[in-house]
């Protein structure tokens, strides 16, 4: 099909992405073809190939900001004292869990479509698996936290076994999905985050019993 739609050259790439996003959200990655994108967007396949070599490249371009953010939501092994204490606040205190959940919620609100694509519409997309991305980020942060706790004398052994870590990861991924499953009111959001923070914190008390979390203060 030849396109009769006149699209300024400077807007073609964004037009392709916008059209593809609509189709991916409606039909999913697997059931959307480049021809579908061409027909809906009234852009020839030839013009699409100028900007993207394959369908996978279009999908990745759409979700890349989210993947990048999660990949870089990691802690450094070389942090100063204040950064170290901030890390511990986030990982072993109830307020830290709440702040982390609020940040996740805010990111999903900002990039709802992109998260939705990755969690629910990515069947057949092989370049990135959102579960793997979250797992890698979580394990890096876990390793940094454990090292800090050991260096500061709070613990002398690993807190969680592999099974516990995987349980946490499953829970976090399900929290993302829950955030995406409905439009929360402010009250519903706050209640959900409060309940999940309590669950995460008190569920960790057995593993964290050697740590006086109240003693962990910013810059202390």
N, C-alpha and C. Protein backbone atom coordinates (compact mmCIF):
# COMPACT_ATOMS: atom_id res chain seq x y z
N UNK A 1 0.84 -1.18 0.00
CA UNK A 1 0.00 0.00 0.00
C UNK A 1 0.88 1.24 0.00
N UNK A 2 0.62 2.17 -0.91
CA UNK A 2 1.37 3.40 -0.97
C UNK A 2 0.75 4.42 -0.03
N UNK A 3 1.57 5.18 0.61
CA UNK A 3 1.07 6.18 1.54
C UNK A 3 0.81 7.49 0.82
N UNK A 4 -0.32 8.09 1.12
CA UNK A 4 -0.63 9.41 0.61
C UNK A 4 -0.49 10.48 1.69
N UNK A 5 -0.13 10.04 2.86
CA UNK A 5 -0.03 10.96 3.98
C UNK A 5 1.28 11.72 3.92
N UNK A 6 1.19 13.03 4.00
CA UNK A 6 2.38 13.86 3.95
C UNK A 6 2.88 14.12 5.36
N UNK A 7 4.02 13.54 5.69
CA UNK A 7 4.60 13.71 7.01
C UNK A 7 5.94 14.41 6.84
N UNK A 8 6.14 15.54 7.51
CA UNK A 8 7.44 16.22 7.42
C UNK A 8 8.57 15.27 7.77
N UNK A 9 9.65 15.37 7.06
CA UNK A 9 10.77 14.45 7.25
C UNK A 9 11.25 14.43 8.70
N UNK A 10 11.23 15.58 9.35
CA UNK A 10 11.71 15.67 10.72
C UNK A 10 10.81 14.93 11.70
N UNK A 11 9.58 14.61 11.28
CA UNK A 11 8.61 13.99 12.18
C UNK A 11 8.37 12.51 11.89
N UNK A 12 8.98 12.00 10.82
CA UNK A 12 8.70 10.63 10.41
C UNK A 12 9.05 9.62 11.49
N UNK A 13 10.22 9.74 12.06
CA UNK A 13 10.66 8.76 13.06
C UNK A 13 9.71 8.73 14.26
N UNK A 14 9.38 9.91 14.79
CA UNK A 14 8.47 9.96 15.93
C UNK A 14 7.07 9.46 15.56
N UNK A 15 6.65 9.71 14.33
CA UNK A 15 5.35 9.24 13.87
C UNK A 15 5.33 7.70 13.82
N UNK A 16 6.41 7.11 13.36
CA UNK A 16 6.51 5.64 13.34
C UNK A 16 6.43 5.09 14.76
N UNK A 17 7.17 5.71 15.68
CA UNK A 17 7.17 5.24 17.07
C UNK A 17 5.79 5.39 17.71
N UNK A 18 5.14 6.52 17.46
CA UNK A 18 3.80 6.74 18.03
C UNK A 18 2.80 5.72 17.50
N UNK A 19 2.86 5.47 16.21
CA UNK A 19 1.96 4.50 15.60
C UNK A 19 2.22 3.09 16.14
N UNK A 20 3.50 2.72 16.21
CA UNK A 20 3.86 1.40 16.70
C UNK A 20 3.43 1.22 18.15
N UNK A 21 3.60 2.25 18.95
CA UNK A 21 3.22 2.18 20.36
C UNK A 21 1.74 1.88 20.51
N UNK A 22 0.92 2.55 19.73
CA UNK A 22 -0.53 2.31 19.77
C UNK A 22 -0.85 0.87 19.42
N UNK A 23 -0.20 0.35 18.41
CA UNK A 23 -0.45 -1.03 17.97
C UNK A 23 0.08 -2.04 18.98
N UNK A 24 1.26 -1.80 19.51
CA UNK A 24 1.83 -2.72 20.51
C UNK A 24 0.95 -2.77 21.75
N UNK A 25 0.45 -1.60 22.19
CA UNK A 25 -0.41 -1.57 23.37
C UNK A 25 -1.71 -2.31 23.13
N UNK A 26 -2.22 -2.24 21.91
CA UNK A 26 -3.50 -2.89 21.60
C UNK A 26 -3.34 -4.38 21.33
N UNK A 27 -2.33 -4.73 20.54
CA UNK A 27 -2.21 -6.11 20.07
C UNK A 27 -1.02 -6.87 20.64
N UNK A 28 -0.07 -6.16 21.21
CA UNK A 28 1.14 -6.80 21.69
C UNK A 28 2.22 -6.85 20.63
N UNK A 29 3.44 -7.10 21.09
CA UNK A 29 4.59 -7.15 20.18
C UNK A 29 4.45 -8.28 19.16
N UNK A 30 4.10 -9.45 19.63
CA UNK A 30 4.08 -10.64 18.78
C UNK A 30 3.09 -10.51 17.64
N UNK A 31 1.93 -9.92 17.91
CA UNK A 31 0.86 -9.86 16.91
C UNK A 31 0.89 -8.61 16.06
N UNK A 32 1.89 -7.77 16.24
CA UNK A 32 2.02 -6.56 15.44
C UNK A 32 3.17 -6.72 14.46
N UNK A 33 2.92 -6.43 13.22
CA UNK A 33 3.95 -6.55 12.18
C UNK A 33 4.38 -5.17 11.69
N UNK A 34 5.50 -5.13 11.01
CA UNK A 34 5.93 -3.88 10.40
C UNK A 34 4.91 -3.41 9.36
N UNK A 35 4.29 -4.36 8.68
CA UNK A 35 3.26 -3.99 7.70
C UNK A 35 2.07 -3.33 8.39
N UNK A 36 1.70 -3.82 9.57
CA UNK A 36 0.63 -3.19 10.34
C UNK A 36 0.98 -1.74 10.66
N UNK A 37 2.21 -1.54 11.09
CA UNK A 37 2.67 -0.18 11.43
C UNK A 37 2.66 0.70 10.19
N UNK A 38 3.10 0.14 9.08
CA UNK A 38 3.11 0.87 7.81
C UNK A 38 1.71 1.30 7.40
N UNK A 39 0.77 0.37 7.49
CA UNK A 39 -0.59 0.66 7.05
C UNK A 39 -1.29 1.66 7.98
N UNK A 40 -1.17 1.44 9.27
CA UNK A 40 -1.85 2.35 10.21
C UNK A 40 -1.25 3.75 10.16
N UNK A 41 0.06 3.81 10.07
CA UNK A 41 0.72 5.11 10.06
C UNK A 41 0.80 5.76 8.70
N UNK A 42 0.37 5.01 7.67
CA UNK A 42 0.45 5.51 6.28
C UNK A 42 1.88 5.94 5.95
N UNK A 43 2.79 5.07 6.32
CA UNK A 43 4.21 5.26 6.03
C UNK A 43 4.70 4.00 5.32
N UNK A 44 5.38 4.16 4.22
CA UNK A 44 5.83 2.99 3.47
C UNK A 44 6.83 2.18 4.27
N UNK A 45 6.88 0.88 3.97
CA UNK A 45 7.87 0.03 4.63
C UNK A 45 9.29 0.53 4.38
N UNK A 46 9.50 1.04 3.19
CA UNK A 46 10.82 1.57 2.85
C UNK A 46 11.24 2.69 3.76
N UNK A 47 10.29 3.57 4.08
CA UNK A 47 10.62 4.69 4.97
C UNK A 47 10.85 4.18 6.40
N UNK A 48 10.11 3.18 6.81
CA UNK A 48 10.34 2.61 8.14
C UNK A 48 11.75 2.04 8.24
N UNK A 49 12.18 1.34 7.19
CA UNK A 49 13.50 0.72 7.20
C UNK A 49 14.64 1.75 7.21
N UNK A 50 14.34 2.97 6.83
CA UNK A 50 15.35 4.03 6.91
C UNK A 50 15.73 4.27 8.37
N UNK A 51 14.75 4.13 9.26
CA UNK A 51 14.95 4.45 10.67
C UNK A 51 15.13 3.23 11.57
N UNK A 52 14.51 2.11 11.18
CA UNK A 52 14.56 0.91 12.01
C UNK A 52 14.76 -0.31 11.13
N UNK A 53 15.72 -1.15 11.51
CA UNK A 53 16.03 -2.33 10.71
C UNK A 53 14.99 -3.42 10.89
N UNK A 54 14.39 -3.48 12.07
CA UNK A 54 13.40 -4.53 12.34
C UNK A 54 12.44 -4.09 13.43
N UNK A 55 11.37 -4.83 13.59
CA UNK A 55 10.33 -4.51 14.57
C UNK A 55 10.92 -4.43 15.98
N UNK A 56 11.83 -5.33 16.29
CA UNK A 56 12.45 -5.35 17.61
C UNK A 56 13.08 -4.01 17.96
N UNK A 57 13.69 -3.36 16.99
CA UNK A 57 14.34 -2.08 17.23
C UNK A 57 13.32 -1.00 17.60
N UNK A 58 12.15 -1.06 17.00
CA UNK A 58 11.11 -0.08 17.32
C UNK A 58 10.63 -0.29 18.75
N UNK A 59 10.34 -1.52 19.11
CA UNK A 59 9.85 -1.82 20.46
C UNK A 59 10.89 -1.42 21.50
N UNK A 60 12.15 -1.75 21.24
CA UNK A 60 13.20 -1.41 22.21
C UNK A 60 13.34 0.10 22.36
N UNK A 61 13.23 0.81 21.26
CA UNK A 61 13.33 2.27 21.33
C UNK A 61 12.24 2.85 22.23
N UNK A 62 11.06 2.24 22.20
CA UNK A 62 9.95 2.71 23.03
C UNK A 62 10.18 2.44 24.51
N UNK A 63 10.73 1.28 24.84
CA UNK A 63 10.87 0.90 26.25
C UNK A 63 12.25 1.21 26.83
N UNK A 64 13.16 1.67 26.00
CA UNK A 64 14.54 1.90 26.43
C UNK A 64 14.66 2.84 27.63
N UNK A 65 13.90 3.93 27.72
CA UNK A 65 14.05 4.79 28.89
C UNK A 65 13.79 4.07 30.21
N UNK A 66 12.79 3.20 30.23
CA UNK A 66 12.47 2.45 31.45
C UNK A 66 13.57 1.44 31.76
N UNK A 67 14.02 0.72 30.76
CA UNK A 67 15.09 -0.26 30.96
C UNK A 67 16.34 0.44 31.50
N UNK A 68 16.68 1.58 30.91
CA UNK A 68 17.86 2.32 31.33
C UNK A 68 17.73 2.76 32.79
N UNK A 69 16.57 3.28 33.18
CA UNK A 69 16.38 3.75 34.54
C UNK A 69 16.54 2.62 35.55
N UNK A 70 15.92 1.47 35.27
CA UNK A 70 16.01 0.35 36.21
C UNK A 70 17.44 -0.17 36.29
N UNK A 71 18.12 -0.24 35.15
CA UNK A 71 19.50 -0.72 35.13
C UNK A 71 20.41 0.19 35.95
N UNK A 72 20.07 1.48 36.02
CA UNK A 72 20.94 2.43 36.72
C UNK A 72 20.41 2.80 38.10
N UNK A 73 19.35 2.14 38.54
CA UNK A 73 18.87 2.31 39.92
C UNK A 73 19.67 1.38 40.83
N UNK A 74 20.98 1.48 40.73
CA UNK A 74 21.85 0.60 41.51
C UNK A 74 22.81 1.44 42.34
N UNK A 75 23.28 0.83 43.40
CA UNK A 75 24.19 1.50 44.32
C UNK A 75 25.64 1.23 43.93
N UNK A 76 26.48 2.12 44.36
CA UNK A 76 27.91 1.97 44.09
C UNK A 76 28.61 1.37 45.30
N UNK A 77 29.61 0.55 45.04
CA UNK A 77 30.43 0.01 46.12
C UNK A 77 31.36 1.08 46.68
N UNK A 78 31.52 2.17 45.93
CA UNK A 78 32.43 3.24 46.35
C UNK A 78 31.60 4.48 46.66
N UNK A 79 30.94 4.50 47.82
CA UNK A 79 30.10 5.62 48.21
C UNK A 79 30.66 6.27 49.46
N UNK A 80 30.30 7.55 49.67
CA UNK A 80 30.74 8.21 50.89
C UNK A 80 29.79 7.85 52.04
N UNK A 81 30.08 8.35 53.23
CA UNK A 81 29.32 7.96 54.42
C UNK A 81 27.84 8.32 54.29
N UNK A 82 27.55 9.51 53.80
CA UNK A 82 26.16 9.92 53.69
C UNK A 82 25.41 9.04 52.70
N UNK A 83 26.04 8.73 51.56
CA UNK A 83 25.41 7.85 50.58
C UNK A 83 25.20 6.45 51.16
N UNK A 84 26.18 5.97 51.91
CA UNK A 84 26.05 4.66 52.54
C UNK A 84 24.85 4.60 53.48
N UNK A 85 24.69 5.63 54.27
CA UNK A 85 23.57 5.66 55.20
C UNK A 85 22.23 5.78 54.47
N UNK A 86 22.23 6.50 53.37
CA UNK A 86 21.01 6.60 52.57
C UNK A 86 20.63 5.23 51.99
N UNK A 87 21.64 4.49 51.56
CA UNK A 87 21.39 3.14 51.04
C UNK A 87 20.77 2.28 52.13
N UNK A 88 21.34 2.32 53.32
CA UNK A 88 20.81 1.50 54.41
C UNK A 88 19.40 1.93 54.80
N UNK A 89 19.15 3.24 54.79
CA UNK A 89 17.81 3.71 55.08
C UNK A 89 16.79 3.11 54.11
N UNK A 90 17.17 3.04 52.85
CA UNK A 90 16.25 2.54 51.83
C UNK A 90 16.03 1.04 51.94
N UNK A 91 17.05 0.31 52.40
CA UNK A 91 17.00 -1.14 52.31
C UNK A 91 16.61 -1.85 53.61
N UNK A 92 16.71 -1.18 54.77
CA UNK A 92 16.45 -1.90 56.02
C UNK A 92 15.48 -1.19 56.95
N UNK A 93 14.92 -0.06 56.56
CA UNK A 93 13.95 0.63 57.41
C UNK A 93 12.59 0.66 56.72
N UNK A 94 11.55 0.75 57.54
CA UNK A 94 10.20 0.80 56.98
C UNK A 94 10.01 2.04 56.13
N UNK A 95 10.54 3.16 56.58
CA UNK A 95 10.43 4.39 55.81
C UNK A 95 11.17 4.25 54.48
N UNK A 96 12.29 3.52 54.51
CA UNK A 96 13.02 3.28 53.27
C UNK A 96 12.21 2.47 52.28
N UNK A 97 11.51 1.43 52.77
CA UNK A 97 10.64 0.65 51.90
C UNK A 97 9.53 1.52 51.31
N UNK A 98 8.96 2.39 52.14
CA UNK A 98 7.90 3.28 51.65
C UNK A 98 8.42 4.22 50.57
N UNK A 99 9.59 4.78 50.80
CA UNK A 99 10.17 5.68 49.81
C UNK A 99 10.45 4.96 48.50
N UNK A 100 10.95 3.71 48.61
CA UNK A 100 11.21 2.94 47.40
C UNK A 100 9.94 2.63 46.62
N UNK A 101 8.88 2.28 47.34
CA UNK A 101 7.60 2.00 46.69
C UNK A 101 7.01 3.26 46.07
N UNK A 102 7.14 4.38 46.76
CA UNK A 102 6.65 5.64 46.18
C UNK A 102 7.41 6.00 44.91
N UNK A 103 8.72 5.75 44.92
CA UNK A 103 9.51 6.04 43.72
C UNK A 103 9.08 5.13 42.57
N UNK A 104 8.87 3.86 42.86
CA UNK A 104 8.41 2.94 41.82
C UNK A 104 7.06 3.38 41.26
N UNK A 105 6.17 3.79 42.14
CA UNK A 105 4.85 4.24 41.73
C UNK A 105 4.97 5.48 40.83
N UNK A 106 5.82 6.44 41.23
CA UNK A 106 6.00 7.66 40.45
C UNK A 106 6.56 7.36 39.07
N UNK A 107 7.52 6.42 39.00
CA UNK A 107 8.10 6.04 37.71
C UNK A 107 7.05 5.41 36.81
N UNK A 108 6.20 4.58 37.39
CA UNK A 108 5.16 3.93 36.60
C UNK A 108 4.15 4.96 36.11
N UNK A 109 3.82 5.94 36.95
CA UNK A 109 2.91 6.99 36.52
C UNK A 109 3.51 7.79 35.36
N UNK A 110 4.81 8.00 35.40
CA UNK A 110 5.48 8.78 34.37
C UNK A 110 5.65 7.99 33.08
N UNK A 111 5.86 6.68 33.21
CA UNK A 111 6.12 5.84 32.04
C UNK A 111 5.16 4.65 32.01
N UNK A 112 3.88 4.91 32.24
CA UNK A 112 2.91 3.83 32.35
C UNK A 112 2.86 2.97 31.09
N UNK A 113 2.79 3.58 29.94
CA UNK A 113 2.70 2.81 28.69
C UNK A 113 3.92 1.93 28.48
N UNK A 114 5.10 2.48 28.76
CA UNK A 114 6.33 1.74 28.55
C UNK A 114 6.43 0.54 29.50
N UNK A 115 6.07 0.75 30.76
CA UNK A 115 6.04 -0.36 31.71
C UNK A 115 5.01 -1.40 31.30
N UNK A 116 3.86 -0.93 30.84
CA UNK A 116 2.80 -1.85 30.44
C UNK A 116 3.25 -2.72 29.27
N UNK A 117 3.95 -2.11 28.32
CA UNK A 117 4.49 -2.87 27.20
C UNK A 117 5.44 -3.96 27.68
N UNK A 118 6.33 -3.61 28.58
CA UNK A 118 7.33 -4.56 29.05
C UNK A 118 6.73 -5.70 29.87
N UNK A 119 5.74 -5.39 30.69
CA UNK A 119 5.17 -6.41 31.57
C UNK A 119 4.09 -7.25 30.92
N UNK A 120 3.30 -6.65 30.02
CA UNK A 120 2.12 -7.35 29.54
C UNK A 120 2.04 -7.53 28.02
N UNK A 121 2.89 -6.83 27.26
CA UNK A 121 2.75 -6.86 25.81
C UNK A 121 4.04 -7.24 25.08
N UNK A 122 4.98 -7.86 25.80
CA UNK A 122 6.31 -8.11 25.22
C UNK A 122 6.51 -9.55 24.76
N UNK A 123 5.45 -10.35 24.68
CA UNK A 123 5.61 -11.74 24.23
C UNK A 123 6.28 -11.76 22.85
N UNK A 124 7.35 -12.52 22.74
CA UNK A 124 8.08 -12.61 21.48
C UNK A 124 9.25 -11.65 21.38
N UNK A 125 9.33 -10.68 22.28
CA UNK A 125 10.43 -9.72 22.28
C UNK A 125 11.60 -10.31 23.05
N UNK A 126 12.72 -10.50 22.38
CA UNK A 126 13.84 -11.24 22.97
C UNK A 126 14.98 -10.36 23.48
N UNK A 127 15.00 -9.10 23.08
CA UNK A 127 16.15 -8.26 23.39
C UNK A 127 16.30 -7.99 24.88
N UNK A 128 15.17 -7.79 25.57
CA UNK A 128 15.19 -7.47 26.99
C UNK A 128 14.04 -8.19 27.68
N UNK A 129 14.31 -8.73 28.87
CA UNK A 129 13.26 -9.28 29.72
C UNK A 129 13.20 -8.42 30.98
N UNK A 130 12.04 -7.80 31.23
CA UNK A 130 11.95 -6.87 32.34
C UNK A 130 12.22 -7.55 33.67
N UNK A 131 11.82 -8.80 33.80
CA UNK A 131 12.10 -9.54 35.03
C UNK A 131 13.59 -9.68 35.26
N UNK A 132 14.34 -9.96 34.20
CA UNK A 132 15.80 -10.09 34.32
C UNK A 132 16.44 -8.75 34.68
N UNK A 133 15.93 -7.67 34.11
CA UNK A 133 16.48 -6.34 34.40
C UNK A 133 16.28 -5.99 35.87
N UNK A 134 15.07 -6.22 36.38
CA UNK A 134 14.78 -5.94 37.78
C UNK A 134 15.62 -6.83 38.69
N UNK A 135 15.75 -8.10 38.31
CA UNK A 135 16.54 -9.05 39.11
C UNK A 135 17.99 -8.60 39.22
N UNK A 136 18.58 -8.21 38.11
CA UNK A 136 19.98 -7.79 38.12
C UNK A 136 20.17 -6.55 39.00
N UNK A 137 19.28 -5.57 38.86
CA UNK A 137 19.37 -4.35 39.65
C UNK A 137 19.21 -4.66 41.13
N UNK A 138 18.22 -5.48 41.47
CA UNK A 138 17.96 -5.83 42.87
C UNK A 138 19.17 -6.53 43.49
N UNK A 139 19.75 -7.47 42.77
CA UNK A 139 20.87 -8.24 43.33
C UNK A 139 22.12 -7.39 43.51
N UNK A 140 22.32 -6.44 42.61
CA UNK A 140 23.45 -5.51 42.79
C UNK A 140 23.23 -4.70 44.07
N UNK A 141 22.03 -4.18 44.24
CA UNK A 141 21.73 -3.38 45.43
C UNK A 141 21.81 -4.22 46.70
N UNK A 142 21.36 -5.46 46.61
CA UNK A 142 21.43 -6.36 47.76
C UNK A 142 22.89 -6.60 48.15
N UNK A 143 23.74 -6.88 47.16
CA UNK A 143 25.15 -7.15 47.44
C UNK A 143 25.83 -5.93 48.08
N UNK A 144 25.52 -4.74 47.56
CA UNK A 144 26.11 -3.52 48.12
C UNK A 144 25.64 -3.33 49.56
N UNK A 145 24.35 -3.56 49.80
CA UNK A 145 23.80 -3.39 51.15
C UNK A 145 24.45 -4.35 52.14
N UNK A 146 24.59 -5.61 51.74
CA UNK A 146 25.21 -6.60 52.62
C UNK A 146 26.65 -6.22 52.93
N UNK A 147 27.38 -5.75 51.92
CA UNK A 147 28.77 -5.34 52.15
C UNK A 147 28.83 -4.18 53.13
N UNK A 148 27.93 -3.21 52.97
CA UNK A 148 27.91 -2.06 53.89
C UNK A 148 27.62 -2.51 55.32
N UNK A 149 26.63 -3.37 55.46
CA UNK A 149 26.26 -3.85 56.80
C UNK A 149 27.42 -4.60 57.45
N UNK A 150 28.15 -5.38 56.66
CA UNK A 150 29.31 -6.09 57.19
C UNK A 150 30.42 -5.11 57.56
N UNK A 151 30.69 -4.15 56.66
CA UNK A 151 31.76 -3.18 56.91
C UNK A 151 31.48 -2.33 58.15
N UNK A 152 30.19 -2.08 58.41
CA UNK A 152 29.82 -1.23 59.55
C UNK A 152 29.64 -2.05 60.82
N UNK A 153 29.85 -3.37 60.73
CA UNK A 153 29.81 -4.20 61.91
C UNK A 153 28.44 -4.65 62.35
N UNK A 154 27.43 -4.47 61.49
CA UNK A 154 26.08 -4.88 61.88
C UNK A 154 25.88 -6.39 61.76
N UNK A 155 26.51 -6.98 60.77
CA UNK A 155 26.33 -8.42 60.58
C UNK A 155 27.66 -9.04 60.17
N UNK A 156 27.76 -10.32 60.37
CA UNK A 156 28.96 -11.02 59.92
C UNK A 156 28.60 -12.22 59.06
N UNK A 157 27.36 -12.25 58.58
CA UNK A 157 26.95 -13.34 57.69
C UNK A 157 25.87 -12.84 56.73
N UNK A 158 25.66 -13.58 55.66
CA UNK A 158 24.64 -13.21 54.69
C UNK A 158 23.26 -13.35 55.31
N UNK A 159 22.39 -12.36 55.06
CA UNK A 159 21.08 -12.34 55.70
C UNK A 159 20.08 -13.30 55.06
N UNK A 160 20.08 -13.33 53.74
CA UNK A 160 19.07 -14.11 53.04
C UNK A 160 19.71 -15.15 52.14
N UNK A 161 19.05 -16.29 52.03
CA UNK A 161 19.52 -17.27 51.07
C UNK A 161 18.92 -16.97 49.70
N UNK A 162 19.32 -17.75 48.70
CA UNK A 162 18.87 -17.50 47.33
C UNK A 162 17.36 -17.60 47.20
N UNK A 163 16.77 -18.52 47.93
CA UNK A 163 15.32 -18.69 47.89
C UNK A 163 14.60 -17.45 48.40
N UNK A 164 15.10 -16.86 49.49
CA UNK A 164 14.50 -15.65 50.04
C UNK A 164 14.61 -14.49 49.07
N UNK A 165 15.77 -14.37 48.45
CA UNK A 165 15.97 -13.29 47.49
C UNK A 165 15.00 -13.43 46.32
N UNK A 166 14.85 -14.64 45.82
CA UNK A 166 13.93 -14.86 44.70
C UNK A 166 12.49 -14.57 45.10
N UNK A 167 12.14 -14.89 46.35
CA UNK A 167 10.79 -14.57 46.84
C UNK A 167 10.57 -13.07 46.85
N UNK A 168 11.57 -12.33 47.31
CA UNK A 168 11.48 -10.87 47.31
C UNK A 168 11.33 -10.34 45.89
N UNK A 169 12.10 -10.87 44.98
CA UNK A 169 12.04 -10.42 43.60
C UNK A 169 10.66 -10.65 43.00
N UNK A 170 10.10 -11.83 43.25
CA UNK A 170 8.75 -12.12 42.76
C UNK A 170 7.76 -11.13 43.32
N UNK A 171 7.92 -10.80 44.60
CA UNK A 171 7.02 -9.85 45.24
C UNK A 171 7.15 -8.47 44.59
N UNK A 172 8.38 -8.02 44.37
CA UNK A 172 8.58 -6.70 43.78
C UNK A 172 8.00 -6.63 42.37
N UNK A 173 8.19 -7.68 41.59
CA UNK A 173 7.64 -7.70 40.23
C UNK A 173 6.13 -7.67 40.28
N UNK A 174 5.53 -8.39 41.23
CA UNK A 174 4.08 -8.37 41.37
C UNK A 174 3.57 -7.02 41.83
N UNK A 175 4.38 -6.29 42.61
CA UNK A 175 4.01 -4.94 43.01
C UNK A 175 3.94 -4.03 41.78
N UNK A 176 4.93 -4.14 40.90
CA UNK A 176 4.90 -3.37 39.65
C UNK A 176 3.63 -3.68 38.88
N UNK A 177 3.30 -4.95 38.76
CA UNK A 177 2.10 -5.34 38.02
C UNK A 177 0.83 -4.81 38.67
N UNK A 178 0.82 -4.81 39.99
CA UNK A 178 -0.35 -4.28 40.70
C UNK A 178 -0.49 -2.78 40.45
N UNK A 179 0.61 -2.07 40.47
CA UNK A 179 0.58 -0.64 40.17
C UNK A 179 0.00 -0.38 38.78
N UNK A 180 0.32 -1.27 37.84
CA UNK A 180 -0.13 -1.10 36.46
C UNK A 180 -1.56 -1.57 36.22
N UNK A 181 -2.10 -2.33 37.14
CA UNK A 181 -3.37 -3.00 36.90
C UNK A 181 -4.58 -2.09 37.03
N UNK A 182 -4.41 -0.95 37.69
CA UNK A 182 -5.55 -0.06 37.88
C UNK A 182 -5.07 1.36 38.09
N UNK A 183 -6.01 2.29 38.01
CA UNK A 183 -5.72 3.68 38.34
C UNK A 183 -6.05 3.91 39.80
N UNK A 184 -5.01 4.04 40.61
CA UNK A 184 -5.19 4.24 42.04
C UNK A 184 -5.60 5.67 42.35
N UNK A 185 -6.53 5.83 43.29
CA UNK A 185 -6.73 7.14 43.87
C UNK A 185 -5.56 7.42 44.81
N UNK A 186 -5.43 8.66 45.25
CA UNK A 186 -4.34 8.99 46.17
C UNK A 186 -4.48 8.17 47.45
N UNK A 187 -5.71 8.04 47.94
CA UNK A 187 -5.93 7.27 49.18
C UNK A 187 -5.58 5.80 48.97
N UNK A 188 -5.99 5.23 47.84
CA UNK A 188 -5.69 3.83 47.56
C UNK A 188 -4.19 3.61 47.42
N UNK A 189 -3.53 4.54 46.74
CA UNK A 189 -2.08 4.44 46.57
C UNK A 189 -1.38 4.45 47.93
N UNK A 190 -1.74 5.41 48.78
CA UNK A 190 -1.08 5.54 50.08
C UNK A 190 -1.33 4.31 50.95
N UNK A 191 -2.56 3.79 50.91
CA UNK A 191 -2.88 2.61 51.70
C UNK A 191 -2.11 1.39 51.20
N UNK A 192 -2.06 1.23 49.88
CA UNK A 192 -1.33 0.10 49.30
C UNK A 192 0.14 0.16 49.67
N UNK A 193 0.75 1.34 49.55
CA UNK A 193 2.17 1.49 49.85
C UNK A 193 2.43 1.25 51.34
N UNK A 194 1.54 1.76 52.19
CA UNK A 194 1.70 1.55 53.64
C UNK A 194 1.64 0.06 53.97
N UNK A 195 0.66 -0.63 53.40
CA UNK A 195 0.52 -2.07 53.68
C UNK A 195 1.71 -2.87 53.15
N UNK A 196 2.17 -2.54 51.95
CA UNK A 196 3.29 -3.28 51.38
C UNK A 196 4.59 -2.97 52.13
N UNK A 197 4.78 -1.73 52.55
CA UNK A 197 5.98 -1.39 53.32
C UNK A 197 5.99 -2.14 54.65
N UNK A 198 4.84 -2.22 55.29
CA UNK A 198 4.74 -3.00 56.54
C UNK A 198 5.06 -4.46 56.29
N UNK A 199 4.51 -4.99 55.20
CA UNK A 199 4.73 -6.41 54.88
C UNK A 199 6.21 -6.67 54.64
N UNK A 200 6.85 -5.81 53.85
CA UNK A 200 8.26 -5.99 53.53
C UNK A 200 9.13 -5.83 54.79
N UNK A 201 8.83 -4.81 55.58
CA UNK A 201 9.66 -4.54 56.75
C UNK A 201 9.50 -5.63 57.80
N UNK A 202 8.27 -5.90 58.20
CA UNK A 202 8.07 -6.88 59.27
C UNK A 202 8.36 -8.30 58.80
N UNK A 203 8.23 -8.53 57.50
CA UNK A 203 8.61 -9.82 56.96
C UNK A 203 10.11 -10.03 56.99
N UNK A 204 10.85 -8.92 57.06
CA UNK A 204 12.31 -9.00 57.09
C UNK A 204 12.88 -8.99 58.51
N UNK A 205 12.03 -8.82 59.50
CA UNK A 205 12.56 -8.64 60.85
C UNK A 205 13.42 -9.81 61.30
N UNK A 206 13.06 -11.03 60.91
CA UNK A 206 13.87 -12.17 61.30
C UNK A 206 15.27 -12.07 60.76
N UNK A 207 15.37 -11.63 59.50
CA UNK A 207 16.69 -11.50 58.88
C UNK A 207 17.42 -10.26 59.36
N UNK A 208 16.65 -9.24 59.78
CA UNK A 208 17.28 -7.98 60.15
C UNK A 208 17.39 -7.79 61.66
N UNK A 209 17.14 -8.85 62.42
CA UNK A 209 17.06 -8.72 63.86
C UNK A 209 18.38 -8.27 64.48
N UNK A 210 19.49 -8.48 63.76
CA UNK A 210 20.78 -8.06 64.29
C UNK A 210 21.03 -6.58 64.08
N UNK A 211 20.13 -5.92 63.33
CA UNK A 211 20.36 -4.53 62.94
C UNK A 211 19.42 -3.62 63.71
N UNK A 212 19.98 -2.63 64.35
CA UNK A 212 19.15 -1.60 64.97
C UNK A 212 18.89 -0.53 63.91
N UNK A 213 17.78 -0.66 63.20
CA UNK A 213 17.54 0.24 62.07
C UNK A 213 17.37 1.68 62.53
N UNK A 214 16.91 1.88 63.77
CA UNK A 214 16.77 3.25 64.27
C UNK A 214 18.11 3.94 64.46
N UNK A 215 19.16 3.13 64.55
CA UNK A 215 20.50 3.69 64.76
C UNK A 215 21.13 4.14 63.45
N UNK A 216 20.48 3.74 62.33
CA UNK A 216 21.04 4.12 61.02
C UNK A 216 20.48 5.49 60.66
N UNK A 217 21.29 6.49 60.75
CA UNK A 217 20.87 7.86 60.48
C UNK A 217 21.70 8.46 59.36
N UNK A 218 21.09 9.34 58.62
CA UNK A 218 21.82 10.00 57.53
C UNK A 218 23.00 10.76 58.13
N UNK A 219 24.19 10.41 57.61
CA UNK A 219 25.39 11.10 58.06
C UNK A 219 25.82 10.73 59.46
N UNK A 220 25.13 9.69 60.07
CA UNK A 220 25.46 9.35 61.45
C UNK A 220 26.58 8.35 61.55
